[in-house]
Amino acid sequence: MAKARKKQEYTTEKVLDSLNETAYKAENFFEKNSKIIIGVLAVLALAAIGYFIYLKTVLEPKSEKAFTEMVQADQYFQQDSIVLALKGSPGSFMGYEQIVENYGGTKGGNIARYKAGISYYHLGDYASAVSMLEKFKSDDEILTAQKNGMIGNALVESKKEQEALPYYVKAAEGTDIEVLQTMYYTKAGKLAMQLGQNSEALKYFQTLADKYPNAGDEVDKFIERLKYATSGN
């Protein structure tokens, strides 16, 4: 019993000695490198303050300016004057292209990028639509789903169906909004069928049926047809 107690005391002493040694080394390291450490921390603090100032004095005002410039372009877009909305009118107002070019790093410029992509799509310039929409980033699940869905549409129009399919799936999986999920899973399912990927198509329609029991007769019909088509596989 005494031996066990002595062993435990010895072990405890070793642990304490180790901790003391570690603390000493850390303290010694800080003393030797205190100027460097304080300098690094000061630089990081200044960088954070600098970014905050830049955000408040440059980025946010530029973003507001982008949204202000976008008002006229939006009005033309709503009137189906897509070219004017996209290209603007020199000396009068900026179109989405110019807003992206001048304010692309701001929130307003990012929204203009999305609208420019939609405009290119309506004008039949599918390559530019895909390129512009790919650069659009958002934390909004609806906008992100619609972006991916529109890229899918543009690729289908470009006869790139195989490339389009993953975008429809991303659009469907990226949101819990029933209307959007139903639309994009249905697009994915129909396109997969067209590509001869019946097992994948069945998976998309079955996901809809499982999640939304009242998805509709069309979904049920596709499931039955695809189950029959894949039953021999």
C-alpha atoms as a PDB file:
ATOM      1  CA  MET A   1       0.000   0.000   0.000  1.00  0.00           C
ATOM      2  CA  ALA A   2       2.864   2.336   0.955  1.00  0.00           C
ATOM      3  CA  LYS A   3       4.676   1.472  -2.285  1.00  0.00           C
ATOM      4  CA  ALA A   4       1.555   2.309  -4.320  1.00  0.00           C
ATOM      5  CA  ARG A   5       1.206   5.638  -2.515  1.00  0.00           C
ATOM      6  CA  LYS A   6       4.876   6.480  -3.101  1.00  0.00           C
ATOM      7  CA  LYS A   7       4.533   5.517  -6.779  1.00  0.00           C
ATOM      8  CA  GLN A   8       1.473   7.761  -7.119  1.00  0.00           C
ATOM      9  CA  GLU A   9       3.276  10.652  -5.395  1.00  0.00           C
ATOM     10  CA  TYR A  10       6.284  10.134  -7.673  1.00  0.00           C
ATOM     11  CA  THR A  11       4.048  10.139 -10.764  1.00  0.00           C
ATOM     12  CA  THR A  12       2.294  13.302  -9.569  1.00  0.00           C
ATOM     13  CA  GLU A  13       5.636  14.995  -8.995  1.00  0.00           C
ATOM     14  CA  LYS A  14       6.758  14.053 -12.526  1.00  0.00           C
ATOM     15  CA  VAL A  15       3.581  15.493 -14.010  1.00  0.00           C
ATOM     16  CA  LEU A  16       3.992  18.713 -12.028  1.00  0.00           C
ATOM     17  CA  ASP A  17       7.660  18.966 -13.009  1.00  0.00           C
ATOM     18  CA  SER A  18       6.691  18.469 -16.650  1.00  0.00           C
ATOM     19  CA  LEU A  19       4.017  21.163 -16.442  1.00  0.00           C
ATOM     20  CA  ASN A  20       6.409  23.554 -14.734  1.00  0.00           C
ATOM     21  CA  GLU A  21       9.043  22.884 -17.378  1.00  0.00           C
ATOM     22  CA  THR A  22       6.499  23.505 -20.181  1.00  0.00           C
ATOM     23  CA  ALA A  23       5.346  26.736 -18.533  1.00  0.00           C
ATOM     24  CA  TYR A  24       8.966  27.836 -18.101  1.00  0.00           C
ATOM     25  CA  LYS A  25       9.748  27.122 -21.751  1.00  0.00           C
ATOM     26  CA  ALA A  26       6.659  29.015 -22.890  1.00  0.00           C
ATOM     27  CA  GLU A  27       7.503  31.968 -20.662  1.00  0.00           C
ATOM     28  CA  ASN A  28      11.098  31.902 -21.838  1.00  0.00           C
ATOM     29  CA  PHE A  29       9.992  31.734 -25.483  1.00  0.00           C
ATOM     30  CA  PHE A  30       7.682  34.707 -25.012  1.00  0.00           C
ATOM     31  CA  GLU A  31      10.440  36.728 -23.315  1.00  0.00           C
ATOM     32  CA  LYS A  32      12.859  36.024 -26.154  1.00  0.00           C
ATOM     33  CA  ASN A  33      10.318  36.698 -28.897  1.00  0.00           C
ATOM     34  CA  SER A  34       8.026  39.213 -27.205  1.00  0.00           C
ATOM     35  CA  LYS A  35       8.791  41.984 -29.691  1.00  0.00           C
ATOM     36  CA  ILE A  36       8.034  39.740 -32.665  1.00  0.00           C
ATOM     37  CA  ILE A  37       4.819  38.379 -31.107  1.00  0.00           C
ATOM     38  CA  ILE A  38       3.571  41.838 -30.129  1.00  0.00           C
ATOM     39  CA  GLY A  39       4.485  43.096 -33.598  1.00  0.00           C
ATOM     40  CA  VAL A  40       2.524  40.311 -35.296  1.00  0.00           C
ATOM     41  CA  LEU A  41      -0.498  40.926 -33.069  1.00  0.00           C
ATOM     42  CA  ALA A  42      -0.293  44.636 -33.779  1.00  0.00           C
ATOM     43  CA  VAL A  43      -0.177  44.004 -37.545  1.00  0.00           C
ATOM     44  CA  LEU A  44      -3.210  41.687 -37.317  1.00  0.00           C
ATOM     45  CA  ALA A  45      -5.104  44.256 -35.261  1.00  0.00           C
ATOM     46  CA  LEU A  46      -4.245  47.013 -37.731  1.00  0.00           C
ATOM     47  CA  ALA A  47      -5.286  44.771 -40.637  1.00  0.00           C
ATOM     48  CA  ALA A  48      -8.652  44.108 -38.981  1.00  0.00           C
ATOM     49  CA  ILE A  49      -9.183  47.800 -38.297  1.00  0.00           C
ATOM     50  CA  GLY A  50      -8.078  48.667 -41.816  1.00  0.00           C
ATOM     51  CA  TYR A  51     -10.512  46.185 -43.363  1.00  0.00           C
ATOM     52  CA  PHE A  52     -13.348  47.530 -41.197  1.00  0.00           C
ATOM     53  CA  ILE A  53     -12.582  51.081 -42.332  1.00  0.00           C
ATOM     54  CA  TYR A  54     -12.337  49.929 -45.955  1.00  0.00           C
ATOM     55  CA  LEU A  55     -15.656  48.097 -45.606  1.00  0.00           C
ATOM     56  CA  LYS A  56     -17.442  51.124 -44.154  1.00  0.00           C
ATOM     57  CA  THR A  57     -15.865  53.868 -46.250  1.00  0.00           C
ATOM     58  CA  VAL A  58     -15.318  52.152 -49.599  1.00  0.00           C
ATOM     59  CA  LEU A  59     -17.142  48.852 -50.140  1.00  0.00           C
ATOM     60  CA  GLU A  60     -20.505  49.695 -48.590  1.00  0.00           C
ATOM     61  CA  PRO A  61     -20.835  53.097 -50.342  1.00  0.00           C
ATOM     62  CA  LYS A  62     -19.786  51.460 -53.635  1.00  0.00           C
ATOM     63  CA  SER A  63     -22.388  48.749 -53.108  1.00  0.00           C
ATOM     64  CA  GLU A  64     -25.078  51.372 -52.504  1.00  0.00           C
ATOM     65  CA  LYS A  65     -23.950  53.152 -55.661  1.00  0.00           C
ATOM     66  CA  ALA A  66     -24.257  49.887 -57.588  1.00  0.00           C
ATOM     67  CA  PHE A  67     -27.823  49.363 -56.393  1.00  0.00           C
ATOM     68  CA  THR A  68     -28.679  52.972 -57.298  1.00  0.00           C
ATOM     69  CA  GLU A  69     -27.250  52.521 -60.786  1.00  0.00           C
ATOM     70  CA  MET A  70     -29.223  49.295 -61.148  1.00  0.00           C
ATOM     71  CA  VAL A  71     -32.655  50.903 -60.745  1.00  0.00           C
ATOM     72  CA  GLN A  72     -32.832  52.120 -64.334  1.00  0.00           C
ATOM     73  CA  ALA A  73     -31.519  48.841 -65.734  1.00  0.00           C
ATOM     74  CA  ASP A  74     -34.115  46.915 -63.711  1.00  0.00           C
ATOM     75  CA  GLN A  75     -36.899  49.066 -65.156  1.00  0.00           C
ATOM     76  CA  TYR A  76     -35.820  48.250 -68.706  1.00  0.00           C
ATOM     77  CA  PHE A  77     -35.478  44.568 -67.837  1.00  0.00           C
ATOM     78  CA  GLN A  78     -39.061  44.521 -66.528  1.00  0.00           C
ATOM     79  CA  GLN A  79     -40.184  46.120 -69.796  1.00  0.00           C
ATOM     80  CA  ASP A  80     -38.430  43.322 -71.738  1.00  0.00           C
ATOM     81  CA  SER A  81     -35.834  45.767 -73.059  1.00  0.00           C
ATOM     82  CA  ILE A  82     -33.141  43.247 -72.219  1.00  0.00           C
ATOM     83  CA  VAL A  83     -30.369  44.740 -74.365  1.00  0.00           C
ATOM     84  CA  LEU A  84     -30.788  48.148 -72.736  1.00  0.00           C
ATOM     85  CA  ALA A  85     -30.856  46.571 -69.278  1.00  0.00           C
ATOM     86  CA  LEU A  86     -27.663  44.667 -70.028  1.00  0.00           C
ATOM     87  CA  LYS A  87     -25.716  47.264 -72.036  1.00  0.00           C
ATOM     88  CA  GLY A  88     -27.074  50.495 -70.576  1.00  0.00           C
ATOM     89  CA  SER A  89     -27.060  53.809 -72.419  1.00  0.00           C
ATOM     90  CA  PRO A  90     -23.718  55.697 -72.529  1.00  0.00           C
ATOM     91  CA  GLY A  91     -23.974  59.020 -70.725  1.00  0.00           C
ATOM     92  CA  SER A  92     -27.430  58.128 -69.388  1.00  0.00           C
ATOM     93  CA  PHE A  93     -27.300  55.024 -67.195  1.00  0.00           C
ATOM     94  CA  MET A  94     -25.253  51.911 -66.611  1.00  0.00           C
ATOM     95  CA  GLY A  95     -26.393  48.469 -67.672  1.00  0.00           C
ATOM     96  CA  TYR A  96     -25.664  45.301 -65.748  1.00  0.00           C
ATOM     97  CA  GLU A  97     -22.400  44.772 -67.632  1.00  0.00           C
ATOM     98  CA  GLN A  98     -21.008  48.149 -66.619  1.00  0.00           C
ATOM     99  CA  ILE A  99     -22.173  47.726 -63.024  1.00  0.00           C
ATOM    100  CA  VAL A 100     -20.362  44.385 -62.803  1.00  0.00           C
ATOM    101  CA  GLU A 101     -17.264  45.947 -64.337  1.00  0.00           C
ATOM    102  CA  ASN A 102     -17.258  48.949 -61.981  1.00  0.00           C
ATOM    103  CA  TYR A 103     -18.691  47.463 -58.798  1.00  0.00           C
ATOM    104  CA  GLY A 104     -18.082  43.726 -59.193  1.00  0.00           C
ATOM    105  CA  GLY A 105     -16.480  43.305 -55.768  1.00  0.00           C
ATOM    106  CA  THR A 106     -19.510  44.636 -53.913  1.00  0.00           C
ATOM    107  CA  LYS A 107     -22.832  43.108 -52.927  1.00  0.00           C
ATOM    108  CA  GLY A 108     -24.611  45.304 -55.468  1.00  0.00           C
ATOM    109  CA  GLY A 109     -22.146  44.294 -58.175  1.00  0.00           C
ATOM    110  CA  ASN A 110     -22.710  40.644 -57.311  1.00  0.00           C
ATOM    111  CA  ILE A 111     -26.474  41.016 -57.772  1.00  0.00           C
ATOM    112  CA  ALA A 112     -25.833  42.772 -61.095  1.00  0.00           C
ATOM    113  CA  ARG A 113     -23.761  39.733 -62.100  1.00  0.00           C
ATOM    114  CA  TYR A 114     -26.772  37.478 -61.476  1.00  0.00           C
ATOM    115  CA  LYS A 115     -29.078  39.755 -63.470  1.00  0.00           C
ATOM    116  CA  ALA A 116     -26.549  39.997 -66.298  1.00  0.00           C
ATOM    117  CA  GLY A 117     -26.480  36.197 -66.457  1.00  0.00           C
ATOM    118  CA  ILE A 118     -30.263  36.063 -66.709  1.00  0.00           C
ATOM    119  CA  SER A 119     -30.170  38.741 -69.406  1.00  0.00           C
ATOM    120  CA  TYR A 120     -27.622  36.814 -71.473  1.00  0.00           C
ATOM    121  CA  TYR A 121     -29.848  33.760 -71.212  1.00  0.00           C
ATOM    122  CA  HIS A 122     -32.885  35.660 -72.512  1.00  0.00           C
ATOM    123  CA  LEU A 123     -30.787  36.964 -75.410  1.00  0.00           C
ATOM    124  CA  GLY A 124     -29.681  33.445 -76.323  1.00  0.00           C
ATOM    125  CA  ASP A 125     -26.041  34.009 -75.368  1.00  0.00           C
ATOM    126  CA  TYR A 126     -25.878  30.840 -73.296  1.00  0.00           C
ATOM    127  CA  ALA A 127     -22.094  30.693 -72.954  1.00  0.00           C
ATOM    128  CA  SER A 128     -21.995  34.190 -71.435  1.00  0.00           C
ATOM    129  CA  ALA A 129     -24.971  33.316 -69.211  1.00  0.00           C
ATOM    130  CA  VAL A 130     -23.160  30.284 -67.792  1.00  0.00           C
ATOM    131  CA  SER A 131     -19.915  32.209 -67.334  1.00  0.00           C
ATOM    132  CA  MET A 132     -21.596  35.101 -65.531  1.00  0.00           C
ATOM    133  CA  LEU A 133     -23.841  32.954 -63.340  1.00  0.00           C
ATOM    134  CA  GLU A 134     -20.937  30.723 -62.297  1.00  0.00           C
ATOM    135  CA  LYS A 135     -19.262  33.810 -60.817  1.00  0.00           C
ATOM    136  CA  PHE A 136     -22.345  34.795 -58.822  1.00  0.00           C
ATOM    137  CA  LYS A 137     -22.117  33.790 -55.133  1.00  0.00           C
ATOM    138  CA  SER A 138     -24.860  34.012 -52.542  1.00  0.00           C
ATOM    139  CA  ASP A 139     -25.838  32.637 -49.130  1.00  0.00           C
ATOM    140  CA  ASP A 140     -29.483  32.880 -50.182  1.00  0.00           C
ATOM    141  CA  GLU A 141     -30.709  29.354 -50.926  1.00  0.00           C
ATOM    142  CA  ILE A 142     -33.427  30.520 -53.332  1.00  0.00           C
ATOM    143  CA  LEU A 143     -31.065  32.632 -55.441  1.00  0.00           C
ATOM    144  CA  THR A 144     -28.447  29.874 -55.421  1.00  0.00           C
ATOM    145  CA  ALA A 145     -30.994  27.264 -56.489  1.00  0.00           C
ATOM    146  CA  GLN A 146     -32.269  29.500 -59.268  1.00  0.00           C
ATOM    147  CA  LYS A 147     -28.712  30.247 -60.381  1.00  0.00           C
ATOM    148  CA  ASN A 148     -27.897  26.534 -60.683  1.00  0.00           C
ATOM    149  CA  GLY A 149     -31.211  25.857 -62.387  1.00  0.00           C
ATOM    150  CA  MET A 150     -30.596  28.623 -64.910  1.00  0.00           C
ATOM    151  CA  ILE A 151     -27.111  27.294 -65.639  1.00  0.00           C
ATOM    152  CA  GLY A 152     -28.749  23.926 -66.257  1.00  0.00           C
ATOM    153  CA  ASN A 153     -31.226  25.531 -68.634  1.00  0.00           C
ATOM    154  CA  ALA A 154     -28.458  27.347 -70.523  1.00  0.00           C
ATOM    155  CA  LEU A 155     -26.451  24.144 -70.906  1.00  0.00           C
ATOM    156  CA  VAL A 156     -29.509  22.268 -72.187  1.00  0.00           C
ATOM    157  CA  GLU A 157     -30.091  25.027 -74.740  1.00  0.00           C
ATOM    158  CA  SER A 158     -26.440  24.639 -75.740  1.00  0.00           C
ATOM    159  CA  LYS A 159     -27.003  20.904 -76.334  1.00  0.00           C
ATOM    160  CA  LYS A 160     -24.799  20.060 -73.334  1.00  0.00           C
ATOM    161  CA  GLU A 161     -27.375  17.910 -71.565  1.00  0.00           C
ATOM    162  CA  GLN A 162     -24.847  15.733 -69.749  1.00  0.00           C
ATOM    163  CA  GLU A 163     -23.239  18.828 -68.208  1.00  0.00           C
ATOM    164  CA  ALA A 164     -26.629  20.305 -67.341  1.00  0.00           C
ATOM    165  CA  LEU A 165     -27.877  17.383 -65.239  1.00  0.00           C
ATOM    166  CA  PRO A 166     -25.657  17.987 -62.166  1.00  0.00           C
ATOM    167  CA  TYR A 167     -26.798  21.618 -62.041  1.00  0.00           C
ATOM    168  CA  TYR A 168     -30.458  20.620 -61.834  1.00  0.00           C
ATOM    169  CA  VAL A 169     -29.574  18.204 -59.039  1.00  0.00           C
ATOM    170  CA  LYS A 170     -27.583  20.913 -57.208  1.00  0.00           C
ATOM    171  CA  ALA A 171     -30.515  23.292 -57.604  1.00  0.00           C
ATOM    172  CA  ALA A 172     -32.915  20.741 -56.113  1.00  0.00           C
ATOM    173  CA  GLU A 173     -30.631  19.650 -53.286  1.00  0.00           C
ATOM    174  CA  GLY A 174     -29.682  23.203 -52.352  1.00  0.00           C
ATOM    175  CA  THR A 175     -33.126  24.243 -51.127  1.00  0.00           C
ATOM    176  CA  ASP A 176     -36.012  22.987 -49.018  1.00  0.00           C
ATOM    177  CA  ILE A 177     -38.571  25.105 -50.862  1.00  0.00           C
ATOM    178  CA  GLU A 178     -41.114  22.589 -52.186  1.00  0.00           C
ATOM    179  CA  VAL A 179     -41.900  24.452 -55.411  1.00  0.00           C
ATOM    180  CA  LEU A 180     -38.226  24.747 -56.336  1.00  0.00           C
ATOM    181  CA  GLN A 181     -37.354  21.188 -55.352  1.00  0.00           C
ATOM    182  CA  THR A 182     -40.286  19.827 -57.343  1.00  0.00           C
ATOM    183  CA  MET A 183     -39.340  21.859 -60.409  1.00  0.00           C
ATOM    184  CA  TYR A 184     -35.646  20.993 -60.400  1.00  0.00           C
ATOM    185  CA  TYR A 185     -35.943  17.321 -59.436  1.00  0.00           C
ATOM    186  CA  THR A 186     -38.517  16.973 -62.219  1.00  0.00           C
ATOM    187  CA  LYS A 187     -36.152  18.642 -64.691  1.00  0.00           C
ATOM    188  CA  ALA A 188     -33.338  16.383 -63.478  1.00  0.00           C
ATOM    189  CA  GLY A 189     -35.524  13.284 -63.768  1.00  0.00           C
ATOM    190  CA  LYS A 190     -36.740  14.055 -67.278  1.00  0.00           C
ATOM    191  CA  LEU A 191     -33.230  14.933 -68.465  1.00  0.00           C
ATOM    192  CA  ALA A 192     -31.803  11.753 -66.928  1.00  0.00           C
ATOM    193  CA  MET A 193     -34.445   9.747 -68.806  1.00  0.00           C
ATOM    194  CA  GLN A 194     -33.511  11.527 -72.025  1.00  0.00           C
ATOM    195  CA  LEU A 195     -29.880  10.563 -71.395  1.00  0.00           C
ATOM    196  CA  GLY A 196     -30.842   6.937 -70.773  1.00  0.00           C
ATOM    197  CA  GLN A 197     -29.993   7.147 -67.058  1.00  0.00           C
ATOM    198  CA  ASN A 198     -33.204   5.556 -65.837  1.00  0.00           C
ATOM    199  CA  SER A 199     -31.874   4.512 -62.431  1.00  0.00           C
ATOM    200  CA  GLU A 200     -30.824   8.092 -61.701  1.00  0.00           C
ATOM    201  CA  ALA A 201     -34.144   9.409 -62.986  1.00  0.00           C
ATOM    202  CA  LEU A 202     -36.014   7.016 -60.699  1.00  0.00           C
ATOM    203  CA  LYS A 203     -33.958   8.232 -57.748  1.00  0.00           C
ATOM    204  CA  TYR A 204     -34.899  11.864 -58.397  1.00  0.00           C
ATOM    205  CA  PHE A 205     -38.623  11.185 -58.782  1.00  0.00           C
ATOM    206  CA  GLN A 206     -38.638   8.835 -55.793  1.00  0.00           C
ATOM    207  CA  THR A 207     -37.006  11.538 -53.674  1.00  0.00           C
ATOM    208  CA  LEU A 208     -39.879  13.844 -54.585  1.00  0.00           C
ATOM    209  CA  ALA A 209     -42.521  11.218 -53.810  1.00  0.00           C
ATOM    210  CA  ASP A 210     -40.938  10.379 -50.446  1.00  0.00           C
ATOM    211  CA  LYS A 211     -40.567  13.998 -49.384  1.00  0.00           C
ATOM    212  CA  TYR A 212     -43.842  15.286 -50.809  1.00  0.00           C
ATOM    213  CA  PRO A 213     -46.502  12.515 -50.828  1.00  0.00           C
ATOM    214  CA  ASN A 214     -48.846  14.841 -52.704  1.00  0.00           C
ATOM    215  CA  ALA A 215     -46.288  15.637 -55.405  1.00  0.00           C
ATOM    216  CA  GLY A 216     -48.852  14.754 -58.073  1.00  0.00           C
ATOM    217  CA  ASP A 217     -49.885  12.127 -60.598  1.00  0.00           C
ATOM    218  CA  GLU A 218     -47.078  13.024 -63.007  1.00  0.00           C
ATOM    219  CA  VAL A 219     -44.426  12.045 -60.471  1.00  0.00           C
ATOM    220  CA  ASP A 220     -46.226   8.763 -59.705  1.00  0.00           C
ATOM    221  CA  LYS A 221     -46.481   7.947 -63.405  1.00  0.00           C
ATOM    222  CA  PHE A 222     -42.780   8.555 -63.942  1.00  0.00           C
ATOM    223  CA  ILE A 223     -41.938   6.338 -60.969  1.00  0.00           C
ATOM    224  CA  GLU A 224     -44.067   3.461 -62.273  1.00  0.00           C
ATOM    225  CA  ARG A 225     -42.633   3.794 -65.770  1.00  0.00           C
ATOM    226  CA  LEU A 226     -39.064   3.908 -64.474  1.00  0.00           C
ATOM    227  CA  LYS A 227     -39.550   0.992 -62.106  1.00  0.00           C
ATOM    228  CA  TYR A 228     -40.707  -1.055 -65.079  1.00  0.00           C
ATOM    229  CA  ALA A 229     -37.804   0.190 -67.232  1.00  0.00           C
ATOM    230  CA  THR A 230     -35.209  -0.672 -64.581  1.00  0.00           C
ATOM    231  CA  SER A 231     -36.733  -3.933 -63.377  1.00  0.00           C
ATOM    232  CA  GLY A 232     -34.623  -5.962 -65.790  1.00  0.00           C
ATOM    233  CA  ASN A 233     -31.372  -4.261 -64.744  1.00  0.00           C
END
